[in-house]
């Protein structure tokens, strides 16, 4: 769990207060497990949902780090991003900002940043403006396709 501890420190701004209710260390004795189960039972439905969301979103962010690291290592002339399914695992919020932020760090590209980035599946004008703002510092030419109708939004 050492990786988890480092990641929790690094991504602490994503943590909900409910995430700390059960504690971050899930190793230990049966007595500790029973204590965690008892704390879970005392949580309200809202607190349980908040804890679950924070935990799922944390692991989704780790997945984004994994995939963007692979993309950053490629030598690409162009990149097409389809953001239609870019939701947290509970499908209640978008992860577009953190995804784009990881790609916008031009100094992290092992080769050079792609000359063109085509964005598909953006939600609305606000999300499109956010993407433009986040990628504004890059040298890539941005192309936007028609936005997708994303289930549950719009």
Foldseek 3Di string as FASTA:
>chain_A
DVVQVVLCVVVVVLADPLLPQLHDDPDDDPVNVVVSVVSLVPDDPVSNVRNVQSVQQSVVLVVLVVVLLVVLADDAQEEEEEQLPQAGPVRPGGPLLSNLLSLLPQVSRPHGRHQEYEYEAQADPVSVVSSCVSNVPHNHHYHYDDHDHHPPHD
